Amino acid sequence: MDASSLAAIESVVKGGRAVMAADDTAVVDAVKETVRSGRTATFYLTRSQFDAVNAWYWTPNRMKQLGLEPVSDEEMARIREELGAEACGSAYSNRIKCPSGHVYGAFEFVKQGIEEHGLEATRTVFALKDTAVIRANPHQPVQCVECRRRLATPHYYVYWGYGCCVDLDDTSTAAFAARHR
């Protein structure tokens, strides 16, 4: 390990976060255990680890249960052209109907992300080449970007290098909503 890698680790740890280095099986098992526990964490994984977690979690049955569908080329183009963020590769998202008649899908998710984290941070996450991100049991509120109403139904997503996994056996609002779709 070179000095710049250790300096990066030092910076992360100094910021109050932990860094874990382990073989793929141990890392994937840690992600699975975190998802099953209902605890919230963000994992920065290798592509092979990300693929292993997604193969375990995003089964065809679960994707159907949660209403995930491929994000259309048109919606991906809209994300790129209107928001200035390029989400490359495959993308899946559920679509939530707002009581006011609006729809919350991939475009709205990225727009909310830009509002919360900034365009540069969003672009940086989508531009990661060797790193993929899994959010385990995220608890950010889903808010209609048109009327600002907070939506009760959770948004689920998985992109080529960014996705979420939620413990559907817990008693959280997200799990309840997913079981009652």
Protein backbone atom coordinates (compact mmCIF):
# COMPACT_ATOMS: atom_id res chain seq x y z
CA MET A 1 0.00 0.00 0.00
CA ASP A 2 1.47 3.36 -0.96
CA ALA A 3 1.65 6.53 1.13
CA SER A 4 -1.20 8.25 -0.75
CA SER A 5 -3.53 5.34 0.02
CA LEU A 6 -2.66 5.52 3.70
CA ALA A 7 -3.13 9.30 3.65
CA ALA A 8 -6.60 8.83 2.16
CA ILE A 9 -7.45 6.26 4.84
CA GLU A 10 -6.11 8.60 7.53
CA SER A 11 -8.35 11.38 6.20
CA VAL A 12 -11.44 9.16 6.27
CA VAL A 13 -10.73 7.88 9.79
CA LYS A 14 -9.95 11.38 11.04
CA GLY A 15 -13.42 12.35 9.78
CA GLY A 16 -14.96 9.82 12.16
CA ARG A 17 -15.48 6.95 9.72
CA ALA A 18 -14.00 3.46 9.59
CA VAL A 19 -12.20 1.77 6.72
CA MET A 20 -12.39 -1.99 6.34
CA ALA A 21 -10.09 -4.05 4.15
CA ALA A 22 -10.97 -7.73 3.70
CA ASP A 23 -11.43 -10.39 1.06
CA ASP A 24 -14.54 -10.18 -1.13
CA THR A 25 -16.48 -12.80 0.82
CA ALA A 26 -16.00 -10.99 4.14
CA VAL A 27 -17.00 -7.63 2.63
CA VAL A 28 -20.11 -9.02 0.90
CA ASP A 29 -21.10 -10.82 4.11
CA ALA A 30 -20.71 -7.56 6.06
CA VAL A 31 -23.02 -5.77 3.61
CA LYS A 32 -25.60 -8.58 3.80
CA GLU A 33 -25.51 -8.59 7.61
CA THR A 34 -25.96 -4.82 7.72
CA VAL A 35 -28.95 -5.00 5.37
CA ARG A 36 -30.53 -7.84 7.37
CA SER A 37 -29.97 -5.99 10.66
CA GLY A 38 -31.86 -2.89 9.53
CA ARG A 39 -28.88 -0.69 10.39
CA THR A 40 -27.95 2.11 8.02
CA ALA A 41 -24.54 2.25 6.36
CA THR A 42 -22.94 3.25 3.08
CA PHE A 43 -20.45 0.84 1.51
CA TYR A 44 -17.88 1.77 -1.13
CA LEU A 45 -17.20 -1.49 -2.91
CA THR A 46 -15.27 -2.99 -5.78
CA ARG A 47 -17.35 -3.76 -8.86
CA SER A 48 -17.21 -7.50 -8.14
CA GLN A 49 -18.41 -6.96 -4.55
CA PHE A 50 -21.20 -4.65 -5.78
CA ASP A 51 -22.24 -7.25 -8.37
CA ALA A 52 -22.28 -10.00 -5.71
CA VAL A 53 -24.47 -7.93 -3.37
CA ASN A 54 -26.85 -7.04 -6.21
CA ALA A 55 -27.10 -10.67 -7.35
CA TRP A 56 -28.05 -11.64 -3.79
CA TYR A 57 -30.43 -8.76 -3.14
CA TRP A 58 -32.01 -7.69 -6.45
CA THR A 59 -33.66 -10.94 -7.47
CA PRO A 60 -36.31 -10.78 -10.22
CA ASN A 61 -38.97 -11.46 -7.57
CA ARG A 62 -37.79 -8.62 -5.32
CA MET A 63 -37.57 -6.21 -8.26
CA LYS A 64 -41.15 -7.08 -9.16
CA GLN A 65 -42.30 -6.83 -5.51
CA LEU A 66 -40.81 -3.32 -5.18
CA GLY A 67 -41.95 -2.16 -8.61
CA LEU A 68 -38.50 -1.62 -10.09
CA GLU A 69 -38.43 -1.15 -13.83
CA PRO A 70 -35.67 -0.16 -16.24
CA VAL A 71 -35.15 3.59 -16.44
CA SER A 72 -35.98 4.56 -20.02
CA ASP A 73 -33.45 6.06 -22.41
CA GLU A 74 -35.66 9.16 -22.47
CA GLU A 75 -35.51 9.58 -18.69
CA MET A 76 -31.73 9.02 -18.68
CA ALA A 77 -31.42 11.70 -21.40
CA ARG A 78 -33.58 14.05 -19.33
CA ILE A 79 -31.32 13.50 -16.30
CA ARG A 80 -28.31 14.34 -18.45
CA GLU A 81 -29.80 17.31 -20.31
CA GLU A 82 -31.92 18.98 -17.62
CA LEU A 83 -29.91 18.16 -14.51
CA GLY A 84 -26.39 17.97 -15.92
CA ALA A 85 -25.67 14.57 -14.35
CA GLU A 86 -24.82 11.49 -16.36
CA ALA A 87 -25.88 8.19 -14.83
CA CYS A 88 -24.15 5.70 -17.12
CA GLY A 89 -24.95 2.04 -17.50
CA SER A 90 -28.08 0.19 -16.51
CA ALA A 91 -30.53 1.76 -14.10
CA TYR A 92 -33.70 0.54 -12.39
CA SER A 93 -36.14 2.54 -10.29
CA ASN A 94 -39.65 2.34 -8.94
CA ARG A 95 -42.11 5.11 -9.75
CA ILE A 96 -44.16 6.62 -6.94
CA LYS A 97 -47.43 8.46 -7.50
CA CYS A 98 -47.70 11.65 -5.47
CA PRO A 99 -51.22 12.35 -4.11
CA SER A 100 -51.07 15.58 -6.15
CA GLY A 101 -50.67 13.54 -9.35
CA HIS A 102 -46.93 13.95 -9.86
CA VAL A 103 -44.61 10.98 -10.37
CA TYR A 104 -41.36 10.39 -8.47
CA GLY A 105 -38.89 8.22 -10.35
CA ALA A 106 -35.23 8.23 -11.35
CA PHE A 107 -35.24 11.84 -12.61
CA GLU A 108 -36.78 13.12 -9.40
CA PHE A 109 -34.44 11.00 -7.27
CA VAL A 110 -31.38 12.47 -8.99
CA LYS A 111 -32.87 15.97 -8.75
CA GLN A 112 -33.45 15.53 -5.00
CA GLY A 113 -29.89 14.23 -4.66
CA ILE A 114 -28.53 17.31 -6.40
CA GLU A 115 -30.62 19.56 -4.14
CA GLU A 116 -29.31 17.80 -1.02
CA HIS A 117 -25.68 17.13 -1.97
CA GLY A 118 -24.90 19.44 -4.90
CA LEU A 119 -24.31 18.80 -8.58
CA GLU A 120 -20.58 18.13 -8.21
CA ALA A 121 -21.07 15.44 -5.57
CA THR A 122 -23.76 13.79 -7.71
CA ARG A 123 -21.58 13.90 -10.83
CA THR A 124 -18.66 12.50 -8.86
CA VAL A 125 -20.65 9.50 -7.62
CA PHE A 126 -21.92 8.72 -11.12
CA ALA A 127 -18.39 9.10 -12.54
CA LEU A 128 -16.77 6.56 -10.21
CA LYS A 129 -15.08 3.94 -12.37
CA ASP A 130 -13.53 1.47 -9.93
CA THR A 131 -15.82 2.05 -6.96
CA ALA A 132 -19.53 1.29 -6.55
CA VAL A 133 -21.79 2.47 -3.74
CA ILE A 134 -24.41 0.49 -1.79
CA ARG A 135 -26.66 2.30 0.69
CA ALA A 136 -27.95 -0.19 3.25
CA ASN A 137 -31.32 0.76 4.73
CA PRO A 138 -31.22 4.43 3.74
CA HIS A 139 -33.67 6.63 5.61
CA GLN A 140 -33.78 9.78 3.54
CA PRO A 141 -37.32 11.09 3.08
CA VAL A 142 -38.77 10.99 -0.42
CA GLN A 143 -40.12 14.40 -1.33
CA CYS A 144 -42.09 15.27 -4.46
CA VAL A 145 -39.89 17.72 -6.38
CA GLU A 146 -42.97 19.47 -7.80
CA CYS A 147 -45.18 20.15 -4.75
CA ARG A 148 -42.62 19.35 -1.99
CA ARG A 149 -45.00 16.89 -0.35
CA ARG A 150 -43.28 14.13 1.62
CA LEU A 151 -44.19 10.77 0.10
CA ALA A 152 -44.91 7.72 2.27
CA THR A 153 -43.82 5.13 -0.29
CA PRO A 154 -40.04 4.55 -0.38
CA HIS A 155 -38.01 4.99 -3.54
CA TYR A 156 -35.89 2.00 -4.55
CA TYR A 157 -33.09 2.21 -7.07
CA VAL A 158 -30.10 0.43 -8.46
CA TYR A 159 -27.79 1.96 -11.03
CA TRP A 160 -24.67 0.55 -12.64
CA GLY A 161 -22.57 1.78 -9.72
CA TYR A 162 -24.99 3.03 -7.07
CA GLY A 163 -27.86 1.31 -5.32
CA CYS A 164 -29.79 0.63 -2.16
CA CYS A 165 -30.70 -2.51 -0.24
CA VAL A 166 -33.43 -2.43 2.42
CA ASP A 167 -34.24 -4.97 5.14
CA LEU A 168 -37.79 -5.88 4.15
CA ASP A 169 -38.26 -8.07 7.23
CA ASP A 170 -38.03 -5.17 9.66
CA THR A 171 -40.84 -2.99 10.99
CA SER A 172 -39.70 0.28 9.43
CA THR A 173 -41.95 2.46 7.31
CA ALA A 174 -39.93 1.43 4.25
CA ALA A 175 -40.41 -2.26 4.93
CA PHE A 176 -44.12 -1.81 5.69
CA ALA A 177 -44.69 0.13 2.47
CA ALA A 178 -42.77 -2.43 0.41
CA ARG A 179 -44.80 -5.33 1.80
CA HIS A 180 -48.08 -3.53 1.05
CA ARG A 181 -47.48 -2.50 -2.57
